[in-house]
Amino acid sequence: MEKIRVSVNDLMQQGYVYYRTEPVGENFDPEFKPDLTPKEMLEMGVFGGRYMTDCQGEFPKEWFEKARLCHERHVPEYNFFGVNASKPLSYWREKGWIYSDDPRGWFQWYCRYYMGRRCPDDARQIKRWKAMTRHIAQIRHNCPEGVLTCRKRQRQALLHWAYDSRKF
């Protein structure tokens, strides 16, 4: 595949350049098998609609056609499960979990990875994604199958990490 150069100029990054070296949605690390695409996540409702409202030039416009977004503020009702399951970005920064090339965090990394970017932070982010499976085990242990109102915050948190808790 031919390298595709992407220049980013949004509210959190100016003059950042990266390259897409893999086909969109393909050639993922064999240990990374997300249930949902970024487009599906945005349509279902993640991060209170506040996430990536100014990044529409970087990603396919169809990702945003049915996305549940609010540029002004975080709206928990925009989330699929209608609850706030987010920590503020400052919390993630304090923990040292934000990679400098992806100042918005894991979801920004995932969107860029999905689009074909590969970077030195991939292994760490995939390891973080895999760590979320502990929440799947808790839902399976504590909730009747198919009861989506059980543990809504955990389910929403899993959705933020591309796991589809409607399946268990």
N, C-alpha and C. Protein backbone atom coordinates (compact mmCIF):
# COMPACT_ATOMS: atom_id res chain seq x y z
N MET A 1 0.85 -1.19 0.00
CA MET A 1 0.00 0.00 0.00
C MET A 1 0.89 1.25 0.00
N GLU A 2 0.44 2.23 -0.73
CA GLU A 2 1.16 3.50 -0.77
C GLU A 2 0.91 4.28 0.52
N LYS A 3 1.95 4.90 1.05
CA LYS A 3 1.80 5.71 2.26
C LYS A 3 0.91 6.92 1.96
N ILE A 4 0.02 7.21 2.91
CA ILE A 4 -0.83 8.38 2.77
C ILE A 4 -0.46 9.36 3.88
N ARG A 5 -0.09 10.55 3.50
CA ARG A 5 0.30 11.59 4.45
C ARG A 5 -0.93 12.30 4.98
N VAL A 6 -1.00 12.46 6.31
CA VAL A 6 -2.12 13.15 6.94
C VAL A 6 -1.57 14.30 7.77
N SER A 7 -2.06 15.50 7.51
CA SER A 7 -1.70 16.68 8.29
C SER A 7 -2.86 17.03 9.20
N VAL A 8 -2.56 17.23 10.47
CA VAL A 8 -3.60 17.52 11.46
C VAL A 8 -3.46 18.94 11.96
N ASN A 9 -4.56 19.68 11.91
CA ASN A 9 -4.64 21.02 12.45
C ASN A 9 -6.03 21.17 13.07
N ASP A 10 -6.12 20.85 14.36
CA ASP A 10 -7.39 20.99 15.06
C ASP A 10 -7.12 21.72 16.37
N LEU A 11 -8.08 21.72 17.27
CA LEU A 11 -7.91 22.49 18.51
C LEU A 11 -6.80 21.96 19.42
N MET A 12 -6.45 20.69 19.30
CA MET A 12 -5.44 20.12 20.20
C MET A 12 -4.12 19.81 19.52
N GLN A 13 -4.08 19.84 18.21
CA GLN A 13 -2.84 19.56 17.48
C GLN A 13 -2.76 20.46 16.25
N GLN A 14 -1.63 21.11 16.11
CA GLN A 14 -1.39 21.93 14.93
C GLN A 14 -0.06 21.49 14.33
N GLY A 15 -0.08 21.22 13.04
CA GLY A 15 1.13 20.85 12.34
C GLY A 15 1.60 19.42 12.57
N TYR A 16 0.76 18.59 13.15
CA TYR A 16 1.12 17.19 13.35
C TYR A 16 0.92 16.44 12.04
N VAL A 17 1.90 15.63 11.67
CA VAL A 17 1.83 14.85 10.44
C VAL A 17 2.08 13.39 10.78
N TYR A 18 1.27 12.52 10.20
CA TYR A 18 1.52 11.08 10.30
C TYR A 18 1.20 10.43 8.97
N TYR A 19 1.54 9.14 8.88
CA TYR A 19 1.32 8.41 7.64
C TYR A 19 0.46 7.18 7.89
N ARG A 20 -0.47 6.97 6.98
CA ARG A 20 -1.28 5.76 6.98
C ARG A 20 -0.56 4.76 6.07
N THR A 21 -0.18 3.63 6.66
CA THR A 21 0.61 2.66 5.93
C THR A 21 -0.11 1.33 5.72
N GLU A 22 -1.31 1.20 6.28
CA GLU A 22 -2.12 -0.01 6.15
C GLU A 22 -3.49 0.35 5.59
N PRO A 23 -4.16 -0.60 4.94
CA PRO A 23 -5.51 -0.32 4.45
C PRO A 23 -6.47 -0.05 5.61
N VAL A 24 -7.45 0.78 5.37
CA VAL A 24 -8.44 1.14 6.40
C VAL A 24 -9.12 -0.11 6.93
N GLY A 25 -9.11 -0.24 8.27
CA GLY A 25 -9.80 -1.34 8.94
C GLY A 25 -9.16 -2.71 8.76
N GLU A 26 -7.92 -2.76 8.31
CA GLU A 26 -7.27 -4.04 8.03
C GLU A 26 -5.89 -4.11 8.67
N ASN A 27 -5.36 -5.34 8.66
CA ASN A 27 -4.00 -5.62 9.12
C ASN A 27 -3.76 -5.17 10.56
N PHE A 28 -4.74 -5.46 11.42
CA PHE A 28 -4.58 -5.17 12.84
C PHE A 28 -3.64 -6.18 13.47
N ASP A 29 -3.05 -5.80 14.57
CA ASP A 29 -2.28 -6.73 15.38
C ASP A 29 -3.19 -7.92 15.69
N PRO A 30 -2.70 -9.16 15.62
CA PRO A 30 -3.57 -10.32 15.86
C PRO A 30 -4.21 -10.36 17.24
N GLU A 31 -3.65 -9.64 18.21
CA GLU A 31 -4.22 -9.61 19.56
C GLU A 31 -5.27 -8.51 19.73
N PHE A 32 -5.43 -7.68 18.72
CA PHE A 32 -6.36 -6.55 18.80
C PHE A 32 -7.56 -6.82 17.90
N LYS A 33 -8.69 -7.15 18.54
CA LYS A 33 -9.91 -7.49 17.81
C LYS A 33 -11.10 -6.72 18.37
N PRO A 34 -11.16 -5.42 18.11
CA PRO A 34 -12.29 -4.63 18.63
C PRO A 34 -13.61 -5.08 18.03
N ASP A 35 -14.66 -4.98 18.83
CA ASP A 35 -16.00 -5.35 18.37
C ASP A 35 -16.61 -4.27 17.47
N LEU A 36 -16.22 -3.03 17.70
CA LEU A 36 -16.87 -1.90 17.04
C LEU A 36 -15.86 -1.04 16.29
N THR A 37 -16.30 -0.46 15.20
CA THR A 37 -15.48 0.50 14.47
C THR A 37 -15.65 1.88 15.12
N PRO A 38 -14.74 2.80 14.86
CA PRO A 38 -14.94 4.16 15.38
C PRO A 38 -16.28 4.76 14.94
N LYS A 39 -16.67 4.54 13.70
CA LYS A 39 -17.95 5.05 13.20
C LYS A 39 -19.11 4.50 14.03
N GLU A 40 -19.10 3.21 14.29
CA GLU A 40 -20.17 2.60 15.08
C GLU A 40 -20.19 3.17 16.50
N MET A 41 -19.03 3.38 17.07
CA MET A 41 -18.96 3.93 18.41
C MET A 41 -19.55 5.34 18.46
N LEU A 42 -19.16 6.17 17.50
CA LEU A 42 -19.67 7.54 17.46
C LEU A 42 -21.19 7.57 17.26
N GLU A 43 -21.71 6.67 16.46
CA GLU A 43 -23.16 6.61 16.23
C GLU A 43 -23.90 6.11 17.47
N MET A 44 -23.32 5.18 18.20
CA MET A 44 -23.96 4.65 19.40
C MET A 44 -23.98 5.68 20.51
N GLY A 45 -22.93 6.48 20.60
CA GLY A 45 -22.82 7.50 21.63
C GLY A 45 -21.74 7.17 22.63
N VAL A 46 -20.65 7.90 22.55
CA VAL A 46 -19.51 7.73 23.44
C VAL A 46 -19.01 9.08 23.92
N PHE A 47 -18.41 9.08 25.10
CA PHE A 47 -17.74 10.26 25.67
C PHE A 47 -18.66 11.48 25.79
N GLY A 48 -19.93 11.22 26.01
CA GLY A 48 -20.88 12.31 26.17
C GLY A 48 -20.98 13.22 24.97
N GLY A 49 -20.58 12.72 23.80
CA GLY A 49 -20.66 13.50 22.58
C GLY A 49 -19.62 14.59 22.43
N ARG A 50 -18.77 14.73 23.41
CA ARG A 50 -17.83 15.85 23.45
C ARG A 50 -16.51 15.54 22.74
N TYR A 51 -16.34 14.33 22.32
CA TYR A 51 -15.05 13.87 21.84
C TYR A 51 -14.89 14.05 20.34
N MET A 52 -13.81 14.67 19.93
CA MET A 52 -13.42 14.81 18.53
C MET A 52 -14.41 15.61 17.68
N THR A 53 -15.05 16.58 18.27
CA THR A 53 -16.00 17.38 17.50
C THR A 53 -15.31 18.29 16.49
N ASP A 54 -14.02 18.50 16.66
CA ASP A 54 -13.27 19.37 15.74
C ASP A 54 -12.31 18.58 14.85
N CYS A 55 -12.46 17.27 14.77
CA CYS A 55 -11.54 16.42 14.01
C CYS A 55 -12.14 15.88 12.72
N GLN A 56 -13.20 16.46 12.28
CA GLN A 56 -13.92 15.88 11.16
C GLN A 56 -13.15 15.93 9.85
N GLY A 57 -12.18 16.80 9.75
CA GLY A 57 -11.36 16.85 8.54
C GLY A 57 -10.36 15.72 8.44
N GLU A 58 -10.03 15.11 9.56
CA GLU A 58 -9.03 14.04 9.59
C GLU A 58 -9.62 12.67 9.25
N PHE A 59 -10.89 12.47 9.53
CA PHE A 59 -11.51 11.16 9.38
C PHE A 59 -12.64 11.21 8.36
N PRO A 60 -13.11 10.06 7.90
CA PRO A 60 -14.17 10.05 6.88
C PRO A 60 -15.42 10.79 7.35
N LYS A 61 -15.99 11.58 6.47
CA LYS A 61 -17.16 12.38 6.85
C LYS A 61 -18.33 11.50 7.27
N GLU A 62 -18.42 10.28 6.71
CA GLU A 62 -19.53 9.40 7.08
C GLU A 62 -19.46 8.95 8.54
N TRP A 63 -18.29 9.02 9.16
CA TRP A 63 -18.20 8.72 10.59
C TRP A 63 -19.06 9.68 11.41
N PHE A 64 -19.24 10.87 10.91
CA PHE A 64 -19.88 11.93 11.69
C PHE A 64 -21.33 12.20 11.28
N GLU A 65 -21.80 11.56 10.22
CA GLU A 65 -23.16 11.83 9.73
C GLU A 65 -24.23 11.52 10.76
N LYS A 66 -24.07 10.42 11.51
CA LYS A 66 -25.05 10.04 12.53
C LYS A 66 -24.44 10.03 13.93
N ALA A 67 -23.28 10.63 14.06
CA ALA A 67 -22.60 10.66 15.35
C ALA A 67 -23.38 11.51 16.35
N ARG A 68 -23.34 11.09 17.59
CA ARG A 68 -24.01 11.83 18.66
C ARG A 68 -22.97 12.74 19.30
N LEU A 69 -22.93 14.00 18.85
CA LEU A 69 -21.88 14.93 19.26
C LEU A 69 -22.46 16.22 19.84
N CYS A 70 -21.70 16.81 20.74
CA CYS A 70 -22.03 18.11 21.29
C CYS A 70 -20.72 18.87 21.50
N HIS A 71 -20.50 19.89 20.70
CA HIS A 71 -19.25 20.64 20.76
C HIS A 71 -19.10 21.42 22.07
N GLU A 72 -20.18 21.85 22.65
CA GLU A 72 -20.12 22.74 23.81
C GLU A 72 -19.78 22.04 25.13
N ARG A 73 -20.32 20.83 25.34
CA ARG A 73 -20.13 20.20 26.65
C ARG A 73 -20.35 18.70 26.57
N HIS A 74 -19.97 18.03 27.62
CA HIS A 74 -20.18 16.59 27.78
C HIS A 74 -21.64 16.38 28.19
N VAL A 75 -22.37 15.56 27.44
CA VAL A 75 -23.79 15.30 27.69
C VAL A 75 -23.95 13.80 27.92
N PRO A 76 -24.04 13.35 29.18
CA PRO A 76 -24.14 11.91 29.44
C PRO A 76 -25.30 11.24 28.69
N GLU A 77 -26.38 11.96 28.46
CA GLU A 77 -27.52 11.39 27.75
C GLU A 77 -27.19 11.02 26.30
N TYR A 78 -26.12 11.59 25.75
CA TYR A 78 -25.70 11.24 24.40
C TYR A 78 -25.02 9.88 24.35
N ASN A 79 -24.58 9.40 25.51
CA ASN A 79 -23.96 8.08 25.56
C ASN A 79 -25.01 7.00 25.34
N PHE A 80 -24.63 5.90 24.75
CA PHE A 80 -25.57 4.82 24.46
C PHE A 80 -26.32 4.37 25.71
N PHE A 81 -25.61 4.26 26.83
CA PHE A 81 -26.24 3.81 28.07
C PHE A 81 -26.74 4.97 28.93
N GLY A 82 -26.62 6.19 28.44
CA GLY A 82 -27.19 7.35 29.11
C GLY A 82 -26.54 7.74 30.42
N VAL A 83 -25.33 7.28 30.66
CA VAL A 83 -24.62 7.57 31.91
C VAL A 83 -23.22 8.10 31.60
N ASN A 84 -22.66 8.80 32.57
CA ASN A 84 -21.29 9.27 32.43
C ASN A 84 -20.36 8.17 32.90
N ALA A 85 -19.50 7.71 32.02
CA ALA A 85 -18.52 6.68 32.35
C ALA A 85 -17.12 7.17 32.02
N SER A 86 -16.92 8.48 32.05
CA SER A 86 -15.65 9.08 31.65
C SER A 86 -14.95 9.75 32.81
N LYS A 87 -13.65 9.75 32.73
CA LYS A 87 -12.82 10.60 33.59
C LYS A 87 -12.38 11.78 32.72
N PRO A 88 -12.13 12.92 33.34
CA PRO A 88 -11.65 14.05 32.53
C PRO A 88 -10.27 13.77 31.93
N LEU A 89 -9.97 14.42 30.84
CA LEU A 89 -8.68 14.26 30.18
C LEU A 89 -7.53 14.57 31.14
N SER A 90 -7.73 15.50 32.05
CA SER A 90 -6.68 15.84 33.03
C SER A 90 -6.29 14.63 33.87
N TYR A 91 -7.26 13.79 34.20
CA TYR A 91 -7.00 12.56 34.96
C TYR A 91 -6.07 11.64 34.18
N TRP A 92 -6.37 11.44 32.90
CA TRP A 92 -5.56 10.57 32.06
C TRP A 92 -4.15 11.14 31.90
N ARG A 93 -4.05 12.45 31.80
CA ARG A 93 -2.72 13.08 31.70
C ARG A 93 -1.92 12.87 32.98
N GLU A 94 -2.57 13.08 34.12
CA GLU A 94 -1.90 12.90 35.41
C GLU A 94 -1.36 11.48 35.57
N LYS A 95 -2.08 10.50 35.07
CA LYS A 95 -1.66 9.10 35.15
C LYS A 95 -0.56 8.76 34.15
N GLY A 96 -0.27 9.66 33.22
CA GLY A 96 0.75 9.41 32.22
C GLY A 96 0.29 8.47 31.12
N TRP A 97 -1.02 8.39 30.90
CA TRP A 97 -1.57 7.46 29.92
C TRP A 97 -1.76 8.07 28.53
N ILE A 98 -1.45 9.34 28.39
CA ILE A 98 -1.64 10.01 27.10
C ILE A 98 -0.33 10.02 26.33
N TYR A 99 -0.36 9.45 25.15
CA TYR A 99 0.77 9.45 24.23
C TYR A 99 0.81 10.80 23.54
N SER A 100 1.98 11.38 23.43
CA SER A 100 2.08 12.75 22.92
C SER A 100 1.48 12.94 21.52
N ASP A 101 1.56 11.93 20.67
CA ASP A 101 1.00 12.06 19.32
C ASP A 101 -0.52 11.96 19.29
N ASP A 102 -1.11 11.47 20.38
CA ASP A 102 -2.57 11.33 20.47
C ASP A 102 -3.06 12.02 21.73
N PRO A 103 -3.09 13.36 21.72
CA PRO A 103 -3.40 14.10 22.95
C PRO A 103 -4.82 13.91 23.48
N ARG A 104 -5.70 13.30 22.70
CA ARG A 104 -7.07 13.04 23.17
C ARG A 104 -7.20 11.65 23.79
N GLY A 105 -6.18 10.82 23.67
CA GLY A 105 -6.19 9.53 24.34
C GLY A 105 -6.45 8.33 23.45
N TRP A 106 -6.91 7.26 24.10
CA TRP A 106 -7.04 5.96 23.44
C TRP A 106 -7.93 6.00 22.20
N PHE A 107 -9.07 6.64 22.27
CA PHE A 107 -9.98 6.63 21.12
C PHE A 107 -9.36 7.32 19.90
N GLN A 108 -8.62 8.38 20.13
CA GLN A 108 -7.94 9.02 19.01
C GLN A 108 -6.90 8.06 18.42
N TRP A 109 -6.17 7.39 19.31
CA TRP A 109 -5.22 6.38 18.83
C TRP A 109 -5.97 5.34 17.98
N TYR A 110 -7.09 4.82 18.49
CA TYR A 110 -7.84 3.79 17.78
C TYR A 110 -8.32 4.29 16.42
N CYS A 111 -8.85 5.50 16.36
CA CYS A 111 -9.31 6.04 15.09
C CYS A 111 -8.17 6.08 14.07
N ARG A 112 -7.02 6.53 14.50
CA ARG A 112 -5.88 6.61 13.60
C ARG A 112 -5.36 5.22 13.24
N TYR A 113 -5.35 4.31 14.19
CA TYR A 113 -4.94 2.94 13.92
C TYR A 113 -5.90 2.30 12.91
N TYR A 114 -7.19 2.48 13.13
CA TYR A 114 -8.21 1.95 12.23
C TYR A 114 -8.00 2.48 10.81
N MET A 115 -7.64 3.75 10.70
CA MET A 115 -7.44 4.36 9.38
C MET A 115 -6.13 3.93 8.72
N GLY A 116 -5.25 3.22 9.47
CA GLY A 116 -4.03 2.70 8.86
C GLY A 116 -2.73 3.21 9.41
N ARG A 117 -2.78 4.09 10.39
CA ARG A 117 -1.53 4.55 11.00
C ARG A 117 -0.99 3.46 11.91
N ARG A 118 0.30 3.26 11.91
CA ARG A 118 0.97 2.41 12.88
C ARG A 118 2.05 3.27 13.52
N CYS A 119 2.21 3.11 14.84
CA CYS A 119 3.14 3.98 15.56
C CYS A 119 3.79 3.23 16.72
N PRO A 120 4.80 3.82 17.34
CA PRO A 120 5.50 3.16 18.44
C PRO A 120 4.62 2.88 19.66
N ASP A 121 3.48 3.53 19.78
CA ASP A 121 2.61 3.35 20.94
C ASP A 121 1.59 2.23 20.77
N ASP A 122 1.56 1.57 19.63
CA ASP A 122 0.53 0.56 19.35
C ASP A 122 0.50 -0.55 20.40
N ALA A 123 1.63 -1.12 20.73
CA ALA A 123 1.65 -2.25 21.68
C ALA A 123 1.10 -1.85 23.04
N ARG A 124 1.45 -0.67 23.52
CA ARG A 124 0.95 -0.21 24.82
C ARG A 124 -0.56 -0.01 24.78
N GLN A 125 -1.06 0.60 23.71
CA GLN A 125 -2.50 0.85 23.61
C GLN A 125 -3.29 -0.45 23.49
N ILE A 126 -2.76 -1.41 22.76
CA ILE A 126 -3.43 -2.71 22.65
C ILE A 126 -3.43 -3.42 24.00
N LYS A 127 -2.37 -3.30 24.73
CA LYS A 127 -2.32 -3.89 26.08
C LYS A 127 -3.36 -3.24 26.99
N ARG A 128 -3.53 -1.94 26.90
CA ARG A 128 -4.55 -1.24 27.69
C ARG A 128 -5.94 -1.71 27.28
N TRP A 129 -6.17 -1.86 25.97
CA TRP A 129 -7.46 -2.35 25.48
C TRP A 129 -7.76 -3.74 26.04
N LYS A 130 -6.78 -4.61 26.00
CA LYS A 130 -6.97 -5.98 26.51
C LYS A 130 -7.27 -5.99 28.00
N ALA A 131 -6.74 -5.05 28.75
CA ALA A 131 -6.98 -4.99 30.20
C ALA A 131 -8.44 -4.73 30.54
N MET A 132 -9.20 -4.20 29.61
CA MET A 132 -10.62 -3.91 29.85
C MET A 132 -11.46 -5.18 29.96
N THR A 133 -10.91 -6.33 29.59
CA THR A 133 -11.70 -7.56 29.64
C THR A 133 -12.14 -7.91 31.06
N ARG A 134 -11.48 -7.37 32.06
CA ARG A 134 -11.91 -7.62 33.44
C ARG A 134 -13.35 -7.13 33.65
N HIS A 135 -13.73 -6.07 32.95
CA HIS A 135 -15.10 -5.56 33.06
C HIS A 135 -16.09 -6.50 32.39
N ILE A 136 -15.68 -7.14 31.32
CA ILE A 136 -16.54 -8.11 30.66
C ILE A 136 -16.85 -9.25 31.63
N ALA A 137 -15.82 -9.72 32.32
CA ALA A 137 -16.01 -10.81 33.28
C ALA A 137 -16.98 -10.40 34.39
N GLN A 138 -16.87 -9.16 34.87
CA GLN A 138 -17.76 -8.70 35.93
C GLN A 138 -19.21 -8.61 35.45
N ILE A 139 -19.41 -8.15 34.24
CA ILE A 139 -20.78 -8.08 33.70
C ILE A 139 -21.34 -9.48 33.53
N ARG A 140 -20.55 -10.37 32.96
CA ARG A 140 -21.03 -11.75 32.78
C ARG A 140 -21.37 -12.42 34.11
N HIS A 141 -20.58 -12.12 35.13
CA HIS A 141 -20.79 -12.73 36.45
C HIS A 141 -21.99 -12.14 37.19
N ASN A 142 -22.24 -10.85 37.00
CA ASN A 142 -23.24 -10.15 37.81
C ASN A 142 -24.55 -9.80 37.11
N CYS A 143 -24.61 -9.95 35.80
CA CYS A 143 -25.79 -9.50 35.07
C CYS A 143 -26.45 -10.65 34.32
N PRO A 144 -27.77 -10.67 34.34
CA PRO A 144 -28.47 -11.65 33.50
C PRO A 144 -28.19 -11.35 32.02
N GLU A 145 -28.07 -12.38 31.22
CA GLU A 145 -27.77 -12.20 29.81
C GLU A 145 -28.80 -11.31 29.13
N GLY A 146 -28.33 -10.33 28.39
CA GLY A 146 -29.20 -9.46 27.62
C GLY A 146 -29.86 -8.32 28.39
N VAL A 147 -29.60 -8.21 29.70
CA VAL A 147 -30.17 -7.13 30.50
C VAL A 147 -29.21 -5.94 30.46
N LEU A 148 -29.47 -5.03 29.53
CA LEU A 148 -28.56 -3.92 29.30
C LEU A 148 -28.59 -2.84 30.38
N THR A 149 -29.58 -2.90 31.25
CA THR A 149 -29.66 -1.91 32.33
C THR A 149 -28.78 -2.29 33.52
N CYS A 150 -28.22 -3.47 33.51
CA CYS A 150 -27.34 -3.93 34.58
C CYS A 150 -25.91 -3.43 34.33
N ARG A 151 -25.37 -2.72 35.32
CA ARG A 151 -24.00 -2.19 35.25
C ARG A 151 -23.80 -1.29 34.03
N LYS A 152 -24.64 -0.28 33.91
CA LYS A 152 -24.60 0.61 32.75
C LYS A 152 -23.29 1.39 32.64
N ARG A 153 -22.72 1.79 33.76
CA ARG A 153 -21.44 2.53 33.69
C ARG A 153 -20.33 1.63 33.16
N GLN A 154 -20.29 0.39 33.61
CA GLN A 154 -19.27 -0.53 33.10
C GLN A 154 -19.50 -0.81 31.62
N ARG A 155 -20.74 -0.97 31.24
CA ARG A 155 -21.05 -1.21 29.83
C ARG A 155 -20.64 -0.02 28.96
N GLN A 156 -20.92 1.19 29.45
CA GLN A 156 -20.53 2.39 28.70
C GLN A 156 -19.01 2.49 28.62
N ALA A 157 -18.33 2.20 29.72
CA ALA A 157 -16.86 2.23 29.70
C ALA A 157 -16.33 1.23 28.67
N LEU A 158 -16.91 0.06 28.61
CA LEU A 158 -16.48 -0.93 27.61
C LEU A 158 -16.73 -0.41 26.20
N LEU A 159 -17.85 0.26 26.01
CA LEU A 159 -18.15 0.85 24.70
C LEU A 159 -17.07 1.86 24.32
N HIS A 160 -16.58 2.62 25.28
CA HIS A 160 -15.51 3.59 25.01
C HIS A 160 -14.24 2.91 24.52
N TRP A 161 -14.12 1.63 24.79
CA TRP A 161 -12.93 0.85 24.40
C TRP A 161 -13.25 -0.13 23.25
N ALA A 162 -14.33 0.11 22.53
CA ALA A 162 -14.70 -0.66 21.33
C ALA A 162 -15.17 -2.08 21.63
N TYR A 163 -15.60 -2.34 22.87
CA TYR A 163 -16.23 -3.61 23.21
C TYR A 163 -17.74 -3.41 23.15
N ASP A 164 -18.45 -4.36 22.59
CA ASP A 164 -19.90 -4.25 22.47
C ASP A 164 -20.57 -5.11 23.54
N SER A 165 -20.91 -4.50 24.65
CA SER A 165 -21.47 -5.25 25.79
C SER A 165 -22.92 -5.68 25.54
N ARG A 166 -23.51 -5.31 24.43
CA ARG A 166 -24.84 -5.81 24.10
C ARG A 166 -24.77 -7.31 23.77
N LYS A 167 -23.59 -7.79 23.48
CA LYS A 167 -23.42 -9.19 23.10
C LYS A 167 -23.31 -10.15 24.26
N PHE A 168 -23.17 -9.63 25.48
CA PHE A 168 -23.03 -10.55 26.62
C PHE A 168 -23.87 -10.08 27.78
